[in-house]
């Protein structure tokens, strides 16, 4: 199949390069194999269209020669309606013009600034619809029958005439997809179906959801939720961080005070208080957006209203989430298993359920979330009875319910195929059984102390109480990245486990250049504080600043954040934020420089300042916190007043529930007080039946009044509604422990773990850990205690106690020695100075007769300063075994062990390929004032030292270098590139050549002389990056843009390197071989990747030196002089089983036959 052609018409070179890179390199578009054509104006674009006939055209609207409006008219006239057109613009922002483009010319509008991800998703959707319709032909060819029959193509020019006139002189924001306004009932249009409907229609605007007093406003941009506003207290950023352990109560109150005093948003206050970084806050806001959306998926009653808004993108921080993933993940966690099972049982007869055509769009996402078991069954035309007969019937019921709620599944023959209640239930959310208003009524009718029916038997789907092995093994939790070394952890705020999925690899955080890191921090902090600021605050001026002062402030701000200043930095997602910052500056200046527009704006500001809704919520939170303090100190009456004030200021179910509890406690805990308190609880449930706080309050009241069975039901209902809240479980756990019902407590642990799923890793890990303690201490079941500990360890790999517990268990079994070693090493990564882990690992090796590994562990303890007398004595009695002069060379297996993950082999091969050009254009000359010229080793070293150099060079398979002996080098040995490599050696470097220190220094320096690695000797990352860019150009791939004025020097150097490379046939031939690998790796080959490669080469050289000398104490003392993180990495390598095996092959077994030959 020939590649699909896409034409990009854009007069701005930088924007054109960005669009071209997105089309060629984005993961979603790679398989299309797009051929991208580019033009710098409309006339050139029209000529290319006539020559190549592309399927899709992306064009700017304002361009020289032939502008975008005239180009669109010509394209639609010649290409017909089959041609897909996307128009981009940062200037044209009039809604009337954009609607005319969409309605009359079928143009998809994408306003600048836009996210590369959003553009890629839009192109992917359009191509998915386009390619099947026009196989094997261009858009122009496909449209010819329509034009010939007088279809839409012939109507294009007639409608196009007034477009230019309407567009003249106008400015707009964004084209809003979807209807201008729509509304409906959530009972008929569930939130899940609404979100997918908005996604399919690319709605842009606000979607307001209301259920009684609960309200949420979802901001949509092209069908993607970018922000959610909610009036629910438990969905605020502070509450979410508190529940996940990211903040202490004291920190939370301090941030609230700071936000009130300085009139900051909560996220800004977190940054100002230095609790989170700007990047962390943005990541948390994305998680908060997901949480708010998933919580509203369980709403079954209420109203919804959508209002199109062309300017929605500029009103809130952009925290874009994937609506499809939110819907499927949210429904999986919020659907009541028992209700879904009961619903499936209500279907009668041989009814068949059919997937709707629109489901194909979501098949892959659904299968990723739930698997394809139900899809395969439904695809074969099975009946409802056959579905119910599948294994794990409750899981099947949940999947069917998800498909029904999203409108992707329907009975054969429609609703007529059903009867009675089934017909009413088809295609909508089932009425909740124990949830909703029914819960509130039954709670109020039952009262606090009335007779209670025994709780109904509950099932645990996919959960066998006697099969902990399968449960622990089937945890669907993604593995966490290995923890950072101690030095790196101190630098990386993302190392906090409660921040969740957003952490980047350690080397990206540590090795990112200072300018790039500072630029990202500045952009994110500015972007975070940008929204909800007025135009004066955006420009940093006061209200009475004159026009000249405003212009000066604007130019200073605009210059500081100018896009051209950042073109050479790989900003990633921050680039879209940078564009929005510039757009905010432009919008503020456009208003404030115009006296009339400024006067109108000042009037609007005066009106807005009268609103105090946000202040009321803050004051309500203060009252609530004061009430909690008073309740803990036993001042129930005062707490009751405080909770009442909080409710009146900002009515929340939590405030009502706490008020009910305070009323009960303050009125003597009598049955009458309990009945009165239950009325308040009922009111809270009427406002929000899905909030767990009223059930917790009801459970505490029932327990105090001697109704434990009813209290258990209330607590279980609260856990079911929100298993991430620990309060209800803690109360239930305390009750079962007091009753000595450890069997029921065990079941409660596992039920809660099951309900949690993947919602809260920390809480799930804590539950598994406590369950293991219950097995060990109360139920005397060591096997299950160990299984629970392993399950907890999967969720929290940083728990040292669990690591040691599991490792000790594995150490007792000789068959699980490697697992025990891995467990101790993992514990040491969390705490490198853990005496217990080092002692137990030392004894594990020593008792098994593994002398060298035992010595390495003792050496690690010595380097960490925690070695005991036994370990120190062992080091003294067991010196490191040094290879003999006849030691074998390192074979491929040993080099594979030595190679660090960051020492990318294809970058190594690339730099080996251009080694001659590197030496010619950018040599590393070790000669300085007073240094002698390089000479052979035998002329300056004694015979023994020369023999050592010869042996190590042979072992490491590198050429024997020349030497420069200089007092300036001290005890160091440093490698330099050249036609024949050179080592600069201090006079005392080999004074004790038999010591491990001397051998390690020499071996590490020699390892740097390997092909490719030698390029890293005394050369900066920026220079090597220019060689990478030049290689890309020489190989005929898309060059990296260096078109800014500030990049001329670098661009000139790149072109100089490229000319030198083209002059060497061996480079061109090798480049062709590397071309495919280079193209696949290009996306990751920014400056950060080159920097990481340099670090990887250093780490690999350290490993090679240690492998040859075998003395970890000596190697660690040398490496720590350069970097504490390098020492930590080397110690971790020395404790690995792979290193132990490589040393055994090198020292004990001698040369393998192939190496000896």
Foldseek 3Di string as FASTA:
>chain_A
DDAAEEEEEAQDPVVQVLLVCLCPPPPLNPVSNYDYHYHNFLVVRLVVCVVPQGQEYEYEADHPPQGPLNSLLVCLLQLPPSRAYEYEYAWAADQVLVVLCCPQRVYHYDYPPDFSVVVSVVVSVSCVVRPVQDPPDHSSVSRVVCVVVVHSSVVSNVSSVCSVVVRPPHGRFAHFWDDQKDKDKCQQAFLLQVLVVCLVRQGAFWKWWDDFPWIKIFGGGGSWTFAMDTLAPCLDLLNVCCLQVLDDPVVSVVLLVVCVVVVADSLLSCVVVVSDALVLSLLSRLVSRLVVSLLRSLDNTTMMMTHGDRNSPLFDGGSTDDSLLSLLVSLVQFDDLVVLLVLLVQFDDQKAKAFDPVCVVCVVVNCVRQNCPLVVCSVVGGGSVVQCPDALNSSSSSSVQSCLSNVGMAIVPGLVSGDDPNSVPGSGHDDDDCFALVVLVVLLVCFQAHDDDFDDDDDQGPDDPVCLPVVLVPAPDDFDDAQAFPVLVVVDPVSPCSSPDPDDDSLLVVQPDPVLVVVLSVLSSLLVRPHPDALCVLLVHDDPDDLVVLVVSLVVVCVVLPPLVCQQHPNDSSSSSSRSSNSSSVVSNVQVNDVVSVVVVVVVVVVVVPDCLVVLQSQLVVLQVVLVVCVVVPNLVSSLVSLVSSCVSRNHLLSLLSNLLSQCSVVPLDSVSRSVSSVSLSVSCNNPRLALSSLQSSLVSSVSVPNNSSSVVSLVSSCLSPVSRCPSVVVVLVVCVVVVVLVVNLVVLVSSLSSCRPVRLVVNLVSLQVSLVCCVPPVVNNVSSLSSLSSSCSSPVLPLVSLQVNLVVQLVPVVSPQVNLVSLLSPCSNPVQPLVSLVVQLCSCVVVPNLLLNLLSLLSNVLVVNHDPVSVVSCVVDPFFFADLQFFAQDPLLLVLLFFPLQDVLLLVLCLLCVVVCCVPPFDDPDDPPWDDWDAPVVPDPPVVNSLQVSLCRNLVADRATEIEDCVQPLAWAWGDDPGIYIYGYPCVCVPVLDLLSLLRSNLRSNCRPRSSNSLGPDDLLLSLLLLQLLCVLLPHDGSDQPRPVSVVSVVSSVVNNVVQVVDVSSSVVSPVCVVVCVVCVVVSRSSSSSSSSVSSSLSSLSRSCLNSVGLNSSLVVCVVPPPSSSVSNSSSSNHPSSSVSSCCRHPVGYDPVRVD
